[in-house]
Amino acid sequence: MEPVLVDDDEASRLLGISRSKFHTLVANGIIPRLKIGRSARYRPADLLAFTERLRADAAGEHDNRIWTPSTPAPSSPDRNL
């Protein structure tokens, strides 16, 4: 049975990125976080959705983009469409 939630170590390992990069994506709201007490957990389905957005972007299937700390987050009022 696949886990319902994973911690940040497992999530970053599943994505093949550093914990630092993973935390940046979470902090910018790109990957949703669930808080359980003082712990943060992540749904594997959200990680899969993130990789699907990357794949779609690379294939040019839509014009959404993945935000990095140097660009405005999706909810930013000064985001250009």
N, C-alpha and C. Protein backbone atom coordinates (compact mmCIF):
# COMPACT_ATOMS: atom_id res chain seq x y z
N MET A 1 0.84 -1.19 0.00
CA MET A 1 0.00 0.00 0.00
C MET A 1 0.88 1.25 0.00
N GLU A 2 0.54 2.19 -0.83
CA GLU A 2 1.29 3.45 -0.93
C GLU A 2 0.92 4.35 0.25
N PRO A 3 1.92 5.08 0.80
CA PRO A 3 1.60 5.96 1.94
C PRO A 3 0.65 7.08 1.54
N VAL A 4 -0.19 7.47 2.47
CA VAL A 4 -1.14 8.56 2.24
C VAL A 4 -0.42 9.89 2.29
N LEU A 5 0.54 10.02 3.20
CA LEU A 5 1.33 11.25 3.36
C LEU A 5 2.80 10.87 3.50
N VAL A 6 3.68 11.78 3.05
CA VAL A 6 5.12 11.58 3.20
C VAL A 6 5.73 12.81 3.85
N ASP A 7 6.89 12.64 4.47
CA ASP A 7 7.58 13.78 5.06
C ASP A 7 8.45 14.47 4.01
N ASP A 8 9.13 15.54 4.41
CA ASP A 8 9.91 16.31 3.43
C ASP A 8 11.10 15.54 2.89
N ASP A 9 11.71 14.68 3.70
CA ASP A 9 12.82 13.87 3.21
C ASP A 9 12.36 12.95 2.08
N GLU A 10 11.26 12.26 2.31
CA GLU A 10 10.73 11.33 1.31
C GLU A 10 10.22 12.08 0.08
N ALA A 11 9.55 13.21 0.29
CA ALA A 11 9.02 13.99 -0.83
C ALA A 11 10.16 14.49 -1.73
N SER A 12 11.20 15.04 -1.14
CA SER A 12 12.32 15.53 -1.96
C SER A 12 13.03 14.37 -2.65
N ARG A 13 13.13 13.22 -1.97
CA ARG A 13 13.74 12.03 -2.59
C ARG A 13 12.90 11.56 -3.77
N LEU A 14 11.58 11.52 -3.61
CA LEU A 14 10.70 11.09 -4.70
C LEU A 14 10.82 12.01 -5.91
N LEU A 15 10.98 13.30 -5.67
CA LEU A 15 11.11 14.26 -6.77
C LEU A 15 12.53 14.33 -7.33
N GLY A 16 13.49 13.78 -6.59
CA GLY A 16 14.88 13.81 -7.05
C GLY A 16 15.52 15.18 -6.94
N ILE A 17 15.09 15.96 -5.94
CA ILE A 17 15.64 17.29 -5.73
C ILE A 17 16.15 17.41 -4.30
N SER A 18 16.92 18.44 -4.03
CA SER A 18 17.43 18.65 -2.68
C SER A 18 16.30 19.09 -1.75
N ARG A 19 16.51 18.87 -0.46
CA ARG A 19 15.52 19.33 0.52
C ARG A 19 15.39 20.85 0.46
N SER A 20 16.51 21.53 0.23
CA SER A 20 16.48 22.98 0.15
C SER A 20 15.59 23.46 -1.00
N LYS A 21 15.74 22.86 -2.18
CA LYS A 21 14.90 23.22 -3.33
C LYS A 21 13.45 22.86 -3.04
N PHE A 22 13.22 21.70 -2.42
CA PHE A 22 11.86 21.29 -2.08
C PHE A 22 11.21 22.31 -1.15
N HIS A 23 11.95 22.74 -0.12
CA HIS A 23 11.41 23.72 0.83
C HIS A 23 11.12 25.05 0.15
N THR A 24 11.92 25.41 -0.85
CA THR A 24 11.66 26.64 -1.61
C THR A 24 10.35 26.52 -2.37
N LEU A 25 10.11 25.38 -3.01
CA LEU A 25 8.86 25.16 -3.73
C LEU A 25 7.66 25.21 -2.79
N VAL A 26 7.81 24.63 -1.61
CA VAL A 26 6.72 24.65 -0.62
C VAL A 26 6.48 26.07 -0.13
N ALA A 27 7.55 26.78 0.20
CA ALA A 27 7.44 28.14 0.72
C ALA A 27 6.77 29.08 -0.27
N ASN A 28 6.96 28.81 -1.56
CA ASN A 28 6.35 29.64 -2.60
C ASN A 28 4.96 29.16 -3.00
N GLY A 29 4.43 28.16 -2.29
CA GLY A 29 3.08 27.69 -2.56
C GLY A 29 2.94 26.82 -3.79
N ILE A 30 4.04 26.36 -4.34
CA ILE A 30 3.99 25.54 -5.55
C ILE A 30 3.60 24.10 -5.22
N ILE A 31 4.06 23.63 -4.08
CA ILE A 31 3.69 22.31 -3.59
C ILE A 31 2.96 22.51 -2.27
N PRO A 32 1.72 22.02 -2.16
CA PRO A 32 0.94 22.23 -0.92
C PRO A 32 1.49 21.40 0.25
N ARG A 33 1.34 21.96 1.43
CA ARG A 33 1.81 21.33 2.67
C ARG A 33 0.63 21.13 3.61
N LEU A 34 0.62 20.00 4.28
CA LEU A 34 -0.37 19.73 5.32
C LEU A 34 0.35 19.76 6.66
N LYS A 35 -0.16 20.52 7.60
CA LYS A 35 0.43 20.58 8.93
C LYS A 35 -0.34 19.64 9.85
N ILE A 36 0.40 18.81 10.55
CA ILE A 36 -0.16 17.92 11.57
C ILE A 36 0.63 18.21 12.83
N GLY A 37 0.04 19.01 13.70
CA GLY A 37 0.80 19.47 14.86
C GLY A 37 1.96 20.33 14.39
N ARG A 38 3.17 19.96 14.80
CA ARG A 38 4.36 20.70 14.37
C ARG A 38 5.00 20.09 13.13
N SER A 39 4.44 18.99 12.65
CA SER A 39 5.01 18.29 11.50
C SER A 39 4.35 18.73 10.19
N ALA A 40 5.13 18.71 9.14
CA ALA A 40 4.61 18.99 7.80
C ALA A 40 4.62 17.68 7.02
N ARG A 41 3.54 17.43 6.28
CA ARG A 41 3.44 16.24 5.46
C ARG A 41 2.92 16.64 4.09
N TYR A 42 3.15 15.77 3.12
CA TYR A 42 2.84 16.05 1.72
C TYR A 42 2.13 14.86 1.10
N ARG A 43 1.14 15.14 0.26
CA ARG A 43 0.40 14.08 -0.42
C ARG A 43 1.16 13.67 -1.68
N PRO A 44 1.41 12.38 -1.87
CA PRO A 44 2.05 11.93 -3.12
C PRO A 44 1.31 12.41 -4.36
N ALA A 45 -0.02 12.52 -4.29
CA ALA A 45 -0.79 13.02 -5.44
C ALA A 45 -0.40 14.45 -5.79
N ASP A 46 -0.10 15.28 -4.79
CA ASP A 46 0.34 16.66 -5.05
C ASP A 46 1.73 16.68 -5.69
N LEU A 47 2.58 15.75 -5.28
CA LEU A 47 3.92 15.66 -5.88
C LEU A 47 3.80 15.22 -7.34
N LEU A 48 2.90 14.27 -7.61
CA LEU A 48 2.67 13.82 -8.98
C LEU A 48 2.10 14.95 -9.83
N ALA A 49 1.17 15.72 -9.27
CA ALA A 49 0.59 16.86 -10.00
C ALA A 49 1.67 17.88 -10.36
N PHE A 50 2.60 18.10 -9.44
CA PHE A 50 3.72 19.01 -9.70
C PHE A 50 4.55 18.51 -10.88
N THR A 51 4.87 17.22 -10.90
CA THR A 51 5.67 16.69 -12.01
C THR A 51 4.89 16.74 -13.33
N GLU A 52 3.57 16.56 -13.26
CA GLU A 52 2.76 16.66 -14.47
C GLU A 52 2.75 18.08 -15.01
N ARG A 53 2.72 19.07 -14.11
CA ARG A 53 2.79 20.48 -14.56
C ARG A 53 4.13 20.74 -15.23
N LEU A 54 5.21 20.18 -14.68
CA LEU A 54 6.53 20.34 -15.29
C LEU A 54 6.56 19.71 -16.69
N ARG A 55 5.98 18.51 -16.80
CA ARG A 55 5.94 17.82 -18.08
C ARG A 55 5.13 18.62 -19.10
N ALA A 56 3.98 19.12 -18.68
CA ALA A 56 3.13 19.90 -19.58
C ALA A 56 3.83 21.17 -20.02
N ASP A 57 4.52 21.82 -19.09
CA ASP A 57 5.26 23.03 -19.43
C ASP A 57 6.35 22.73 -20.45
N ALA A 58 7.08 21.64 -20.23
CA ALA A 58 8.17 21.27 -21.13
C ALA A 58 7.63 20.92 -22.52
N ALA A 59 6.43 20.36 -22.57
CA ALA A 59 5.82 19.98 -23.85
C ALA A 59 5.09 21.15 -24.50
N GLY A 60 5.00 22.30 -23.79
CA GLY A 60 4.31 23.46 -24.34
C GLY A 60 2.81 23.30 -24.39
N GLU A 61 2.27 22.45 -23.52
CA GLU A 61 0.83 22.19 -23.55
C GLU A 61 0.00 23.31 -22.94
N HIS A 62 0.59 24.14 -22.14
CA HIS A 62 -0.09 25.32 -21.61
C HIS A 62 0.96 26.36 -21.26
N ASP A 63 0.51 27.57 -21.01
CA ASP A 63 1.48 28.63 -20.77
C ASP A 63 1.67 28.95 -19.29
N ASN A 64 1.16 28.09 -18.39
CA ASN A 64 1.48 28.29 -16.98
C ASN A 64 2.95 27.97 -16.79
N ARG A 65 3.54 28.51 -15.74
CA ARG A 65 4.93 28.22 -15.50
C ARG A 65 5.16 27.93 -14.03
N ILE A 66 6.27 27.33 -13.76
CA ILE A 66 6.64 27.03 -12.38
C ILE A 66 7.35 28.25 -11.84
N TRP A 67 6.93 28.69 -10.67
CA TRP A 67 7.50 29.89 -10.09
C TRP A 67 8.71 29.57 -9.24
N THR A 68 9.67 30.42 -9.29
CA THR A 68 10.87 30.31 -8.47
C THR A 68 10.89 31.51 -7.53
N PRO A 69 11.75 31.51 -6.53
CA PRO A 69 11.76 32.63 -5.59
C PRO A 69 11.99 33.99 -6.24
N SER A 70 12.60 34.03 -7.41
CA SER A 70 12.89 35.31 -8.03
C SER A 70 11.74 35.84 -8.88
N THR A 71 10.66 35.06 -9.02
CA THR A 71 9.51 35.53 -9.78
C THR A 71 8.29 35.59 -8.86
N PRO A 72 7.31 36.42 -9.18
CA PRO A 72 6.13 36.52 -8.32
C PRO A 72 5.37 35.21 -8.24
N ALA A 73 4.83 34.92 -7.08
CA ALA A 73 4.01 33.73 -6.89
C ALA A 73 2.69 33.90 -7.63
N PRO A 74 1.97 32.80 -7.91
CA PRO A 74 0.71 32.89 -8.67
C PRO A 74 -0.31 33.83 -8.06
N SER A 75 -0.34 33.98 -6.75
CA SER A 75 -1.34 34.83 -6.12
C SER A 75 -0.90 36.29 -6.04
N SER A 76 0.29 36.59 -6.52
CA SER A 76 0.80 37.95 -6.46
C SER A 76 -0.03 38.87 -7.34
N PRO A 77 -0.44 40.02 -6.82
CA PRO A 77 -1.27 40.94 -7.63
C PRO A 77 -0.54 41.52 -8.83
N ASP A 78 0.79 41.54 -8.83
CA ASP A 78 1.51 42.12 -9.95
C ASP A 78 1.99 41.07 -10.95
N ARG A 79 1.35 39.91 -10.94
CA ARG A 79 1.69 38.85 -11.88
C ARG A 79 1.18 39.23 -13.26
N ASN A 80 2.04 39.09 -14.25
CA ASN A 80 1.66 39.37 -15.63
C ASN A 80 1.15 38.09 -16.28
N LEU A 81 0.04 38.18 -16.97
CA LEU A 81 -0.50 37.00 -17.66
C LEU A 81 -0.19 37.05 -19.12
